[in-house]
C-alpha atoms as a PDB file:
ATOM      1  CA  MET A   1     -56.402  30.214  -6.616  1.00  0.00           C
ATOM      2  CA  SER A   2     -54.774  33.200  -5.162  1.00  0.00           C
ATOM      3  CA  TYR A   3     -53.106  33.905  -2.105  1.00  0.00           C
ATOM      4  CA  PRO A   4     -51.825  37.060   0.026  1.00  0.00           C
ATOM      5  CA  ALA A   5     -48.114  37.130  -0.682  1.00  0.00           C
ATOM      6  CA  LYS A   6     -46.523  35.908   2.800  1.00  0.00           C
ATOM      7  CA  LEU A   7     -48.750  32.995   2.477  1.00  0.00           C
ATOM      8  CA  SER A   8     -47.132  32.229  -0.898  1.00  0.00           C
ATOM      9  CA  GLN A   9     -44.136  32.433   0.278  1.00  0.00           C
ATOM     10  CA  ILE A  10     -44.888  29.803   3.046  1.00  0.00           C
ATOM     11  CA  ILE A  11     -46.355  27.243   0.810  1.00  0.00           C
ATOM     12  CA  GLU A  12     -43.759  27.761  -1.678  1.00  0.00           C
ATOM     13  CA  LEU A  13     -41.469  27.373   0.807  1.00  0.00           C
ATOM     14  CA  PHE A  14     -43.198  23.658   2.102  1.00  0.00           C
ATOM     15  CA  GLU A  15     -43.831  22.614  -1.661  1.00  0.00           C
ATOM     16  CA  THR A  16     -39.388  22.528  -1.481  1.00  0.00           C
ATOM     17  CA  LEU A  17     -38.429  21.063   1.688  1.00  0.00           C
ATOM     18  CA  PRO A  18     -38.159  16.956   2.080  1.00  0.00           C
ATOM     19  CA  ASN A  19     -40.585  16.018   4.764  1.00  0.00           C
ATOM     20  CA  SER A  20     -38.050  15.490   7.300  1.00  0.00           C
ATOM     21  CA  GLU A  21     -37.150  19.507   7.210  1.00  0.00           C
ATOM     22  CA  LYS A  22     -41.151  20.164   6.787  1.00  0.00           C
ATOM     23  CA  ARG A  23     -41.991  18.344  10.144  1.00  0.00           C
ATOM     24  CA  GLU A  24     -38.775  20.822  11.772  1.00  0.00           C
ATOM     25  CA  ALA A  25     -40.294  24.148   9.828  1.00  0.00           C
ATOM     26  CA  LEU A  26     -44.019  23.563  11.015  1.00  0.00           C
ATOM     27  CA  ILE A  27     -42.472  22.636  14.245  1.00  0.00           C
ATOM     28  CA  SER A  28     -41.160  26.199  14.183  1.00  0.00           C
ATOM     29  CA  TYR A  29     -43.826  27.640  12.648  1.00  0.00           C
ATOM     30  CA  ALA A  30     -45.941  26.142  16.303  1.00  0.00           C
ATOM     31  CA  ASP A  31     -43.302  27.985  18.316  1.00  0.00           C
ATOM     32  CA  SER A  32     -43.633  31.412  17.202  1.00  0.00           C
ATOM     33  CA  ALA A  33     -48.047  31.128  17.206  1.00  0.00           C
ATOM     34  CA  MET A  34     -48.306  32.409  20.443  1.00  0.00           C
ATOM     35  CA  ARG A  35     -46.704  36.004  18.964  1.00  0.00           C
ATOM     36  CA  GLN A  36     -49.921  35.989  16.639  1.00  0.00           C
ATOM     37  CA  GLY A  37     -52.259  35.830  19.420  1.00  0.00           C
ATOM     38  CA  PRO A  38     -54.515  38.408  21.043  1.00  0.00           C
ATOM     39  CA  LYS A  39     -52.445  41.313  22.744  1.00  0.00           C
ATOM     40  CA  ASP A  40     -53.361  42.147  26.186  1.00  0.00           C
ATOM     41  CA  GLY A  41     -56.445  43.937  26.957  1.00  0.00           C
ATOM     42  CA  GLU A  42     -57.748  43.705  23.709  1.00  0.00           C
ATOM     43  CA  THR A  43     -61.586  42.968  22.896  1.00  0.00           C
ATOM     44  CA  PHE A  44     -63.123  40.989  20.126  1.00  0.00           C
ATOM     45  CA  ASP A  45     -67.097  40.522  18.461  1.00  0.00           C
ATOM     46  CA  LEU A  46     -66.355  36.567  18.478  1.00  0.00           C
ATOM     47  CA  GLU A  47     -64.144  34.549  21.093  1.00  0.00           C
ATOM     48  CA  ASP A  48     -64.031  30.289  20.579  1.00  0.00           C
ATOM     49  CA  ILE A  49     -61.706  28.808  22.592  1.00  0.00           C
ATOM     50  CA  ARG A  50     -61.344  25.279  22.178  1.00  0.00           C
ATOM     51  CA  LYS A  51     -59.542  22.436  23.678  1.00  0.00           C
ATOM     52  CA  ASP A  52     -59.338  18.734  22.577  1.00  0.00           C
ATOM     53  CA  GLU A  53     -59.613  15.944  25.376  1.00  0.00           C
ATOM     54  CA  GLU A  54     -56.526  14.519  24.583  1.00  0.00           C
ATOM     55  CA  CYS A  55     -54.244  17.894  24.013  1.00  0.00           C
ATOM     56  CA  THR A  56     -52.983  19.564  26.652  1.00  0.00           C
ATOM     57  CA  ASP A  57     -53.341  22.564  24.943  1.00  0.00           C
ATOM     58  CA  SER A  58     -56.008  24.983  23.680  1.00  0.00           C
ATOM     59  CA  VAL A  59     -56.484  26.802  20.232  1.00  0.00           C
ATOM     60  CA  GLY A  60     -58.766  29.850  20.006  1.00  0.00           C
ATOM     61  CA  VAL A  61     -60.410  32.307  17.091  1.00  0.00           C
ATOM     62  CA  PHE A  62     -60.884  35.674  17.407  1.00  0.00           C
ATOM     63  CA  PHE A  63     -62.834  38.074  15.434  1.00  0.00           C
ATOM     64  CA  LYS A  64     -63.084  41.813  15.249  1.00  0.00           C
ATOM     65  CA  THR A  65     -65.089  43.513  12.847  1.00  0.00           C
ATOM     66  CA  PHE A  66     -64.621  47.106  11.905  1.00  0.00           C
ATOM     67  CA  PRO A  67     -67.100  49.558  10.127  1.00  0.00           C
ATOM     68  CA  ASN A  68     -65.206  49.876   6.712  1.00  0.00           C
ATOM     69  CA  SER A  69     -66.433  46.373   7.027  1.00  0.00           C
ATOM     70  CA  TRP A  70     -63.004  44.138   7.200  1.00  0.00           C
ATOM     71  CA  VAL A  71     -62.377  41.891  10.235  1.00  0.00           C
ATOM     72  CA  HIS A  72     -59.285  41.117  12.588  1.00  0.00           C
ATOM     73  CA  VAL A  73     -58.710  37.710  12.998  1.00  0.00           C
ATOM     74  CA  PRO A  74     -55.857  37.019  15.313  1.00  0.00           C
ATOM     75  CA  ARG A  75     -54.911  33.629  16.369  1.00  0.00           C
ATOM     76  CA  HIS A  76     -54.263  31.711  19.899  1.00  0.00           C
ATOM     77  CA  THR A  77     -52.817  28.570  20.004  1.00  0.00           C
ATOM     78  CA  ARG A  78     -50.476  26.764  22.636  1.00  0.00           C
ATOM     79  CA  PRO A  79     -48.048  23.983  21.351  1.00  0.00           C
ATOM     80  CA  ALA A  80     -49.597  21.063  19.452  1.00  0.00           C
ATOM     81  CA  CYS A  81     -50.937  18.135  21.141  1.00  0.00           C
ATOM     82  CA  THR A  82     -49.076  15.625  22.455  1.00  0.00           C
ATOM     83  CA  ASN A  83     -51.429  13.039  21.631  1.00  0.00           C
ATOM     84  CA  PRO A  84     -52.171  13.506  17.843  1.00  0.00           C
ATOM     85  CA  HIS A  85     -55.626  12.038  16.273  1.00  0.00           C
END
């Protein structure tokens, strides 16, 4: 399967890391996730924000379609669950 270049770099990074460093890298990615979210005033064709009962945080997916058939998908996440399954 072919992945976009940036995603391929992330996959390659995680393949080379020992488990303890993978956890640290995942935490680092989670900390920076808010920068990927929607901007103030931005509107979307579909918004789905959910919160797990056992988590203190929410996760959202936002879709915006454009006439030339491409889709903008920013991600909105809060810090990870305090009690993951």
